[in-house]
């Protein structure tokens, strides 16, 4: 896996790379020539992939398996299944699958370490025996823990990953992909204890009854401010170096409001005549991350304060329309060359889609439609459209329009005509009834008068 370059020209180029690894022109170079078999650069929050090379090609997982081991242990701590202050005694069985070439810290059977120290030994100190002891403590056996690792990988959507051990010692049946490693590390970085442990460059364990404190140094040189590989934005990472899988590295970095995860699998080392070396899994990771931070930014392409459309409104007090704004913004991770003007807004107003009028009153924040953002035919999200302000009902206009609507209908006009005819008929009947009643009352009064006169005349005749 080691390539030795002897020409003076190439040595000069490499020396320039070491002296100026993050120059602007280099950072902006497309990565068609990335020195690795497989790679991914992606943003963890959205899952946006900024760069990929053979992202789904299977590759030896090697020591990258430690990320899954630590993730499961940290999860158990967060679920209160275990206590980081507990002490665990090293077992004989924890050494059973470790070859002479495997990395260890010489934690001998019977020696007791705290769970927290063991986690640092496993990840920062690359101790295979610590990984196995943690597995036994969590699952009862290494085999059961490995099954948990594979189950967790499936839950995270890792379709091309299989673990055969806890520490990453080479196994032909243990493999992963650049994309799967992104998924695993994205989940891992959502756990604060994982972030703390993986981002520690130096750590000192407690003294035990059989050993002095162990001074641990993280192989992730991007965390070391005195290293030529130091990268100011890197806060976490995991290296892997094997003959079979080459040199690999998973890194997490943050700059301003942007975080990125880079995965480089199957890189190599360049050795120089002065016996210095260039670890290209580290240098290529830094180059990839810097390109991402330089070329991409979060951008709000649709703000919740944007007045996207106007909806025609009936009976509004002082307004014949209502302004609509998005209920929530759309924020996208975009390269610097993509203008906002390329995004097309498609607005749907619900009342218009139904073929109906929109009537006051309207309350601020009331959902009245939706807007969809597209670019080159690709959908970038849909947001509800809400009223920007409240609009009250104009009562006079409402009544006037109600009457107008009533008379505009043929059916309504017929009904009104019938009602008018009926009303007129009713009035005529009432008038006729009153005329006849008055005539009848006059007749009765006349008859009463005649009776009274006749009675008076008979009385006079009798008196005489």
Protein backbone atom coordinates (compact mmCIF):
# COMPACT_ATOMS: atom_id res chain seq x y z
CA UNK A 1 0.00 0.00 0.00
CA UNK A 2 3.01 2.31 0.38
CA UNK A 3 4.13 4.26 -2.66
CA UNK A 4 7.68 5.66 -2.80
CA UNK A 5 8.22 8.69 -5.05
CA UNK A 6 11.81 9.51 -5.92
CA UNK A 7 11.73 12.20 -8.53
CA UNK A 8 12.73 15.67 -7.45
CA UNK A 9 9.78 17.30 -9.19
CA UNK A 10 7.21 15.18 -7.42
CA UNK A 11 8.96 15.67 -4.08
CA UNK A 12 8.75 19.40 -4.56
CA UNK A 13 5.04 19.16 -5.29
CA UNK A 14 4.44 17.11 -2.17
CA UNK A 15 6.46 19.54 -0.08
CA UNK A 16 4.26 22.34 -1.41
CA UNK A 17 1.20 20.38 -0.39
CA UNK A 18 2.51 20.01 3.15
CA UNK A 19 3.34 23.68 3.45
CA UNK A 20 0.10 24.98 1.91
CA UNK A 21 -2.51 22.26 2.35
CA UNK A 22 -5.50 24.58 2.47
CA UNK A 23 -4.89 27.21 -0.18
CA UNK A 24 -8.03 28.69 -1.71
CA UNK A 25 -7.29 27.56 -5.24
CA UNK A 26 -6.68 24.01 -4.04
CA UNK A 27 -9.86 23.99 -1.96
CA UNK A 28 -11.94 24.96 -4.96
CA UNK A 29 -10.53 22.19 -7.16
CA UNK A 30 -13.12 19.54 -8.13
CA UNK A 31 -12.34 16.20 -6.49
CA UNK A 32 -12.27 13.95 -9.51
CA UNK A 33 -8.73 12.99 -8.49
CA UNK A 34 -9.28 12.41 -4.77
CA UNK A 35 -6.58 10.02 -3.58
CA UNK A 36 -8.82 7.35 -2.05
CA UNK A 37 -10.75 4.34 -3.26
CA UNK A 38 -14.05 5.53 -1.77
CA UNK A 39 -15.20 8.80 -0.25
CA UNK A 40 -18.21 10.81 0.89
CA UNK A 41 -18.60 14.40 2.05
CA UNK A 42 -22.03 15.15 3.48
CA UNK A 43 -23.89 17.47 5.82
CA UNK A 44 -25.32 15.48 8.76
CA UNK A 45 -28.43 17.54 9.60
CA UNK A 46 -30.03 17.34 6.16
CA UNK A 47 -28.11 14.34 4.82
CA UNK A 48 -27.09 16.39 1.78
CA UNK A 49 -24.21 14.70 -0.06
CA UNK A 50 -21.75 17.26 -1.44
CA UNK A 51 -19.27 14.82 -2.91
CA UNK A 52 -19.06 11.06 -3.38
CA UNK A 53 -16.71 8.58 -4.95
CA UNK A 54 -17.68 4.89 -5.01
CA UNK A 55 -19.88 5.72 -2.03
CA UNK A 56 -21.64 2.32 -1.99
CA UNK A 57 -18.66 0.12 -2.85
CA UNK A 58 -17.87 -2.39 -0.10
CA UNK A 59 -14.58 -1.87 1.68
CA UNK A 60 -12.94 -3.47 4.75
CA UNK A 61 -14.41 -1.86 7.86
CA UNK A 62 -11.25 -2.37 9.91
CA UNK A 63 -10.88 -0.06 12.92
CA UNK A 64 -13.87 2.05 11.87
CA UNK A 65 -15.90 -0.62 13.69
CA UNK A 66 -14.89 1.16 16.91
CA UNK A 67 -17.36 3.94 16.14
CA UNK A 68 -20.27 1.49 16.32
CA UNK A 69 -18.85 -0.10 19.48
CA UNK A 70 -18.59 3.23 21.25
CA UNK A 71 -22.00 4.32 19.96
CA UNK A 72 -23.71 1.29 21.53
CA UNK A 73 -21.90 1.74 24.85
CA UNK A 74 -22.73 5.45 24.96
CA UNK A 75 -26.37 4.69 24.17
CA UNK A 76 -26.48 2.22 27.07
CA UNK A 77 -25.11 4.94 29.37
CA UNK A 78 -27.73 7.43 28.18
CA UNK A 79 -30.50 4.87 28.78
CA UNK A 80 -29.20 4.37 32.35
CA UNK A 81 -28.53 0.72 31.60
CA UNK A 82 -24.96 1.21 32.86
CA UNK A 83 -23.04 3.76 34.96
CA UNK A 84 -19.81 5.27 33.61
CA UNK A 85 -18.37 5.31 37.13
CA UNK A 86 -18.67 1.53 37.50
CA UNK A 87 -15.48 -0.53 37.57
CA UNK A 88 -15.09 -3.56 35.33
CA UNK A 89 -12.57 -6.36 35.69
CA UNK A 90 -10.70 -7.49 32.60
CA UNK A 91 -11.50 -11.08 31.57
CA UNK A 92 -9.52 -13.79 29.81
CA UNK A 93 -12.23 -14.09 27.14
CA UNK A 94 -11.82 -10.43 26.13
CA UNK A 95 -8.41 -11.38 24.73
CA UNK A 96 -9.60 -14.46 22.88
CA UNK A 97 -9.85 -13.06 19.32
CA UNK A 98 -6.94 -10.58 19.40
CA UNK A 99 -4.00 -11.46 17.17
CA UNK A 100 -0.37 -10.56 17.77
CA UNK A 101 -0.79 -7.71 15.26
CA UNK A 102 -3.81 -6.25 17.05
CA UNK A 103 -3.40 -2.96 18.93
CA UNK A 104 -3.73 -3.23 22.72
CA UNK A 105 -2.94 -1.34 25.91
CA UNK A 106 -1.96 -4.44 27.85
CA UNK A 107 -4.97 -4.46 30.16
CA UNK A 108 -4.37 -7.79 31.87
CA UNK A 109 -7.05 -10.18 33.19
CA UNK A 110 -8.08 -9.20 36.70
CA UNK A 111 -7.20 -5.51 36.26
CA UNK A 112 -10.10 -3.17 37.03
CA UNK A 113 -10.85 0.05 35.14
CA UNK A 114 -13.81 2.39 35.23
CA UNK A 115 -16.29 2.15 32.39
CA UNK A 116 -15.37 5.69 31.30
CA UNK A 117 -11.65 4.89 31.20
CA UNK A 118 -12.40 1.74 29.19
CA UNK A 119 -14.32 3.79 26.62
CA UNK A 120 -11.35 6.12 26.22
CA UNK A 121 -9.02 3.12 25.99
CA UNK A 122 -11.19 1.58 23.27
CA UNK A 123 -11.56 4.69 21.11
CA UNK A 124 -8.68 7.03 21.85
CA UNK A 125 -6.17 4.32 22.81
CA UNK A 126 -7.27 1.84 20.11
CA UNK A 127 -7.27 -1.00 22.65
CA UNK A 128 -8.87 -4.12 21.17
CA UNK A 129 -9.20 -5.79 24.57
CA UNK A 130 -11.10 -2.76 25.90
CA UNK A 131 -13.59 -3.03 23.02
CA UNK A 132 -14.23 -6.71 23.82
CA UNK A 133 -14.58 -6.12 27.55
CA UNK A 134 -17.15 -3.37 26.94
CA UNK A 135 -19.02 -5.72 24.63
CA UNK A 136 -19.13 -8.47 27.26
CA UNK A 137 -20.29 -5.99 29.88
CA UNK A 138 -23.11 -4.65 27.70
CA UNK A 139 -24.35 -7.81 25.97
CA UNK A 140 -22.96 -10.70 28.02
CA UNK A 141 -20.68 -11.88 25.23
CA UNK A 142 -18.76 -10.51 22.28
CA UNK A 143 -20.93 -12.50 19.87
CA UNK A 144 -24.15 -11.01 21.25
CA UNK A 145 -22.68 -7.53 21.08
CA UNK A 146 -21.62 -7.99 17.44
CA UNK A 147 -25.22 -8.94 16.65
CA UNK A 148 -26.29 -5.68 18.30
CA UNK A 149 -23.80 -3.83 16.11
CA UNK A 150 -25.28 -5.31 12.95
CA UNK A 151 -28.84 -4.67 14.11
CA UNK A 152 -27.99 -1.04 14.82
CA UNK A 153 -26.38 -0.71 11.40
CA UNK A 154 -29.54 -2.00 9.75
CA UNK A 155 -31.68 0.44 11.75
CA UNK A 156 -29.50 3.30 10.53
CA UNK A 157 -30.01 2.23 6.91
CA UNK A 158 -26.55 0.73 6.38
CA UNK A 159 -27.36 -1.74 3.63
CA UNK A 160 -23.75 -2.71 2.87
CA UNK A 161 -22.19 -3.00 6.31
CA UNK A 162 -21.46 -6.12 8.34
CA UNK A 163 -19.46 -6.37 11.53
CA UNK A 164 -17.58 -9.49 12.63
CA UNK A 165 -15.82 -8.10 15.71
CA UNK A 166 -15.92 -5.11 18.05
CA UNK A 167 -12.50 -3.57 17.39
CA UNK A 168 -11.91 -3.74 13.64
CA UNK A 169 -9.14 -6.30 13.43
CA UNK A 170 -9.23 -7.43 9.79
CA UNK A 171 -11.81 -10.04 8.88
CA UNK A 172 -12.91 -10.95 5.37
CA UNK A 173 -16.53 -11.00 6.57
CA UNK A 174 -16.38 -7.48 8.00
CA UNK A 175 -17.04 -4.68 5.54
CA UNK A 176 -18.69 -1.28 5.15
CA UNK A 177 -19.06 1.58 2.66
CA UNK A 178 -18.30 5.28 2.71
CA UNK A 179 -22.01 6.10 2.74
CA UNK A 180 -22.73 3.67 5.58
CA UNK A 181 -19.90 5.15 7.62
CA UNK A 182 -21.47 8.58 7.15
CA UNK A 183 -24.79 7.24 8.48
CA UNK A 184 -23.10 5.65 11.51
CA UNK A 185 -21.02 8.71 12.37
CA UNK A 186 -23.96 11.04 11.88
CA UNK A 187 -25.90 9.10 14.51
CA UNK A 188 -22.86 8.89 16.78
CA UNK A 189 -22.32 12.65 16.75
CA UNK A 190 -25.85 13.20 18.09
CA UNK A 191 -24.68 11.72 21.43
CA UNK A 192 -22.77 14.22 23.62
CA UNK A 193 -20.64 11.57 25.36
CA UNK A 194 -19.51 10.19 22.00
CA UNK A 195 -18.62 13.73 20.89
CA UNK A 196 -16.60 14.29 24.06
CA UNK A 197 -14.64 11.03 23.86
CA UNK A 198 -14.02 11.08 20.11
CA UNK A 199 -12.90 14.71 20.22
CA UNK A 200 -10.29 14.15 22.94
CA UNK A 201 -6.71 14.20 21.69
CA UNK A 202 -4.95 13.27 24.96
CA UNK A 203 -6.34 11.38 27.94
CA UNK A 204 -4.88 10.02 31.18
CA UNK A 205 -6.57 7.02 32.76
CA UNK A 206 -6.70 6.42 36.50
CA UNK A 207 -4.07 4.27 38.15
CA UNK A 208 -5.11 0.68 38.80
CA UNK A 209 -3.91 -1.88 41.33
CA UNK A 210 -1.60 -3.42 38.71
CA UNK A 211 -0.76 -0.55 36.32
CA UNK A 212 0.25 3.09 36.31
CA UNK A 213 -1.99 5.67 34.63
CA UNK A 214 -2.09 5.15 30.88
CA UNK A 215 -1.36 8.16 28.68
CA UNK A 216 -3.54 7.92 25.59
CA UNK A 217 -3.02 9.83 22.35
CA UNK A 218 -5.70 9.94 19.67
CA UNK A 219 -4.44 8.83 16.21
CA UNK A 220 -6.57 11.62 14.77
CA UNK A 221 -3.82 14.16 14.10
CA UNK A 222 -6.31 16.72 12.82
CA UNK A 223 -7.01 17.41 16.51
CA UNK A 224 -3.35 18.07 17.29
CA UNK A 225 -2.54 21.78 17.01
CA UNK A 226 1.18 20.98 16.68
CA UNK A 227 0.75 18.51 13.83
CA UNK A 228 1.19 19.32 10.15
CA UNK A 229 -2.23 17.67 9.67
CA UNK A 230 -4.00 19.93 12.19
CA UNK A 231 -7.33 21.16 10.88
CA UNK A 232 -8.94 23.96 12.84
CA UNK A 233 -12.52 22.91 12.17
CA UNK A 234 -12.16 19.21 13.05
CA UNK A 235 -13.73 18.22 16.39
CA UNK A 236 -13.93 14.43 16.05
CA UNK A 237 -12.65 11.58 13.94
CA UNK A 238 -11.59 7.94 13.70
CA UNK A 239 -8.63 6.53 11.81
CA UNK A 240 -7.98 3.06 10.47
CA UNK A 241 -4.71 1.66 9.13
CA UNK A 242 -4.42 -1.94 7.89
CA UNK A 243 -2.62 -3.75 5.13
CA UNK A 244 -5.88 -5.09 3.67
CA UNK A 245 -7.98 -1.90 3.85
CA UNK A 246 -5.32 0.72 3.49
CA UNK A 247 -5.60 4.02 5.32
CA UNK A 248 -9.09 5.28 6.13
CA UNK A 249 -10.50 8.17 8.12
CA UNK A 250 -13.89 9.48 9.20
CA UNK A 251 -13.89 13.12 10.35
CA UNK A 252 -16.45 15.53 11.75
CA UNK A 253 -15.86 19.29 11.41
CA UNK A 254 -17.75 22.51 12.14
CA UNK A 255 -17.40 26.02 10.73
CA UNK A 256 -19.83 28.83 11.50
CA UNK A 257 -23.28 27.26 11.15
CA UNK A 258 -22.16 24.42 8.86
CA UNK A 259 -21.09 20.95 9.99
CA UNK A 260 -19.66 18.28 7.68
CA UNK A 261 -18.69 14.62 7.86
CA UNK A 262 -16.02 13.33 5.51
CA UNK A 263 -15.29 9.64 4.90
CA UNK A 264 -12.12 8.57 3.11
CA UNK A 265 -11.56 4.82 2.59
CA UNK A 266 -8.56 3.04 1.10
CA UNK A 267 -6.05 5.85 0.83
CA UNK A 268 -2.27 5.38 1.03
CA UNK A 269 0.95 6.84 2.41
CA UNK A 270 3.68 8.60 0.45
CA UNK A 271 7.17 8.02 1.81
CA UNK A 272 9.99 10.46 1.05
CA UNK A 273 13.71 9.93 0.85
CA UNK A 274 14.20 11.69 4.20
CA UNK A 275 11.86 9.06 5.73
CA UNK A 276 9.07 11.61 6.27
CA UNK A 277 5.61 10.56 5.19
CA UNK A 278 2.35 11.98 3.95
CA UNK A 279 -0.75 10.24 5.38
CA UNK A 280 -3.19 10.83 2.58
CA UNK A 281 -6.21 9.64 4.55
CA UNK A 282 -5.62 12.69 6.77
CA UNK A 283 -4.52 15.20 4.13
CA UNK A 284 -7.29 14.25 1.70
CA UNK A 285 -9.90 14.48 4.48
CA UNK A 286 -8.76 18.00 5.35
CA UNK A 287 -8.77 18.97 1.70
CA UNK A 288 -12.24 17.57 1.22
CA UNK A 289 -13.60 19.34 4.31
CA UNK A 290 -12.03 22.66 3.36
CA UNK A 291 -13.51 22.45 -0.10
CA UNK A 292 -16.92 21.84 1.46
CA UNK A 293 -16.69 24.81 3.84
CA UNK A 294 -15.36 27.08 1.09
CA UNK A 295 -17.84 26.10 -1.61
CA UNK A 296 -21.11 25.57 0.29
CA UNK A 297 -23.23 27.60 2.66
CA UNK A 298 -26.65 27.39 4.25
CA UNK A 299 -28.95 29.79 2.49
CA UNK A 300 -32.55 30.82 3.16
CA UNK A 301 -34.20 30.66 -0.26
CA UNK A 302 -37.70 31.17 1.13
CA UNK A 303 -38.17 33.33 4.22
CA UNK A 304 -41.19 33.28 6.53
CA UNK A 305 -41.34 37.07 6.06
CA UNK A 306 -41.56 36.90 2.26
CA UNK A 307 -44.91 38.13 0.90
CA UNK A 308 -45.32 35.38 -1.66
CA UNK A 309 -48.82 36.10 -3.03
CA UNK A 310 -52.08 38.02 -2.64
CA UNK A 311 -55.41 36.28 -2.29
CA UNK A 312 -58.50 38.23 -3.53
CA UNK A 313 -60.85 38.90 -0.60
CA UNK A 314 -64.57 39.70 -0.41
CA UNK A 315 -66.16 41.94 2.23
CA UNK A 316 -62.86 43.00 3.75
CA UNK A 317 -62.90 46.19 5.81
CA UNK A 318 -60.58 48.45 3.81
CA UNK A 319 -58.96 45.60 1.87
CA UNK A 320 -59.86 43.64 -1.24
CA UNK A 321 -56.99 41.13 -0.82
CA UNK A 322 -54.84 39.52 1.85
CA UNK A 323 -51.05 39.10 1.70
CA UNK A 324 -49.76 35.55 2.13
CA UNK A 325 -46.41 34.52 3.62
CA UNK A 326 -44.81 31.10 4.27
CA UNK A 327 -45.56 29.60 7.67
CA UNK A 328 -41.92 28.41 7.89
CA UNK A 329 -38.75 29.13 5.88
CA UNK A 330 -36.94 26.81 3.46
CA UNK A 331 -33.21 26.70 4.18
CA UNK A 332 -30.95 24.82 1.81
CA UNK A 333 -27.29 23.91 1.68
CA UNK A 334 -26.16 25.29 -1.68
CA UNK A 335 -22.94 25.84 -3.53
CA UNK A 336 -21.89 29.44 -3.94
CA UNK A 337 -22.58 29.45 -7.69
CA UNK A 338 -26.29 28.69 -7.38
CA UNK A 339 -28.37 31.91 -7.47
CA UNK A 340 -31.65 32.16 -5.57
CA UNK A 341 -33.33 33.24 -8.80
CA UNK A 342 -33.08 29.69 -10.15
CA UNK A 343 -35.70 28.51 -7.65
CA UNK A 344 -39.27 28.64 -8.94
CA UNK A 345 -42.16 29.28 -6.56
CA UNK A 346 -45.45 27.56 -7.39
CA UNK A 347 -48.32 29.05 -5.38
CA UNK A 348 -51.66 27.38 -4.70
CA UNK A 349 -54.46 29.39 -3.02
CA UNK A 350 -56.97 26.91 -1.65
CA UNK A 351 -60.08 29.02 -2.34
CA UNK A 352 -59.08 29.52 -5.99
CA UNK A 353 -58.30 25.82 -6.40
CA UNK A 354 -61.83 25.04 -5.21
CA UNK A 355 -63.30 27.72 -7.47
CA UNK A 356 -64.65 29.62 -4.48
CA UNK A 357 -64.47 33.20 -3.23
CA UNK A 358 -62.46 34.02 -0.10
CA UNK A 359 -64.51 36.01 2.42
CA UNK A 360 -63.61 38.18 5.40
CA UNK A 361 -63.08 38.02 8.31
CA UNK A 362 -59.49 36.67 8.09
CA UNK A 363 -57.27 35.97 11.10
CA UNK A 364 -53.51 36.53 11.00
CA UNK A 365 -51.78 33.16 10.61
CA UNK A 366 -54.83 31.51 9.04
CA UNK A 367 -53.78 28.87 6.47
CA UNK A 368 -54.98 29.90 3.01
CA UNK A 369 -52.65 28.10 0.59
CA UNK A 370 -49.21 26.61 -0.02
CA UNK A 371 -46.03 27.30 -1.97
CA UNK A 372 -43.68 24.74 -3.52
CA UNK A 373 -40.05 25.47 -4.35
CA UNK A 374 -38.48 23.75 -7.37
CA UNK A 375 -35.26 24.00 -9.33
CA UNK A 376 -34.64 22.22 -12.63
CA UNK A 377 -37.68 20.07 -11.96
CA UNK A 378 -36.52 18.98 -8.49
CA UNK A 379 -38.76 19.64 -5.50
CA UNK A 380 -37.01 21.42 -2.62
CA UNK A 381 -39.94 21.62 -0.24
CA UNK A 382 -43.50 22.86 0.31
CA UNK A 383 -44.63 25.32 2.96
CA UNK A 384 -48.11 26.42 4.02
CA UNK A 385 -49.12 29.99 3.18
CA UNK A 386 -50.77 31.97 5.97
CA UNK A 387 -52.43 35.38 6.18
CA UNK A 388 -49.91 38.07 7.04
CA UNK A 389 -52.49 40.24 8.86
CA UNK A 390 -56.00 40.06 10.25
CA UNK A 391 -58.80 41.63 8.17
CA UNK A 392 -62.22 42.30 9.70
CA UNK A 393 -65.63 42.06 8.00
CA UNK A 394 -67.13 45.20 6.37
CA UNK A 395 -70.78 44.69 7.42
CA UNK A 396 -72.38 47.20 5.05
CA UNK A 397 -70.53 45.71 2.10
CA UNK A 398 -71.51 42.26 3.29
CA UNK A 399 -75.22 43.09 3.43
CA UNK A 400 -75.10 44.95 0.11
CA UNK A 401 -73.44 42.04 -1.61
CA UNK A 402 -75.79 39.56 -0.03
CA UNK A 403 -78.74 41.46 -1.51
CA UNK A 404 -76.96 41.76 -4.82
CA UNK A 405 -76.28 38.06 -4.86
CA UNK A 406 -79.87 37.36 -3.96
CA UNK A 407 -81.22 39.32 -6.94
CA UNK A 408 -78.61 37.99 -9.36
CA UNK A 409 -80.05 34.47 -9.31
CA UNK A 410 -82.92 33.52 -11.69
CA UNK A 411 -84.35 31.16 -9.12
CA UNK A 412 -84.17 33.88 -6.48
CA UNK A 413 -85.94 36.33 -8.81
CA UNK A 414 -88.76 33.83 -9.44
CA UNK A 415 -89.14 33.21 -5.73
CA UNK A 416 -89.17 36.94 -5.01
CA UNK A 417 -91.74 37.47 -7.80
CA UNK A 418 -93.96 34.75 -6.37
CA UNK A 419 -93.59 36.24 -2.90
CA UNK A 420 -94.50 39.69 -4.23
CA UNK A 421 -97.57 38.26 -6.02
CA UNK A 422 -98.58 36.41 -2.90
CA UNK A 423 -98.02 39.50 -0.82
CA UNK A 424 -100.08 41.63 -3.20
CA UNK A 425 -102.82 39.02 -3.20
CA UNK A 426 -102.71 38.96 0.56
CA UNK A 427 -102.97 42.77 0.68
CA UNK A 428 -105.92 42.71 -1.75
CA UNK A 429 -107.69 40.13 0.38
CA UNK A 430 -107.07 42.18 3.51
CA UNK A 431 -108.37 45.34 1.81
CA UNK A 432 -111.47 43.53 0.48
CA UNK A 433 -112.04 41.99 3.87
CA UNK A 434 -111.82 45.40 5.56
CA UNK A 435 -114.24 46.97 3.00
CA UNK A 436 -116.78 44.18 3.47
CA UNK A 437 -116.37 44.33 7.23
CA UNK A 438 -116.96 48.07 7.32
CA UNK A 439 -120.02 47.65 5.05
CA UNK A 440 -121.38 44.94 7.30
CA UNK A 441 -120.75 47.04 10.38
CA UNK A 442 -122.66 49.92 8.77
CA UNK A 443 -125.54 47.59 7.97
CA UNK A 444 -125.64 46.35 11.53
CA UNK A 445 -125.50 49.89 12.87
CA UNK A 446 -128.30 50.95 10.53
CA UNK A 447 -130.42 48.01 11.61
CA UNK A 448 -129.81 48.82 15.28
CA UNK A 449 -130.80 52.42 14.64
CA UNK A 450 -133.97 51.33 12.85
CA UNK A 451 -134.91 49.05 15.74
CA UNK A 452 -134.38 51.82 18.25
CA UNK A 453 -136.56 54.24 16.23
CA UNK A 454 -139.31 51.66 15.88
CA UNK A 455 -139.24 51.07 19.63
CA UNK A 456 -139.43 54.77 20.37
CA UNK A 457 -142.41 55.21 18.00
CA UNK A 458 -144.38 52.37 19.65
CA UNK A 459 -143.69 53.87 23.06
CA UNK A 460 -145.05 57.23 21.94
CA UNK A 461 -148.20 55.67 20.55
CA UNK A 462 -148.85 53.74 23.77
CA UNK A 463 -148.33 56.84 25.90
CA UNK A 464 -150.83 58.88 23.90
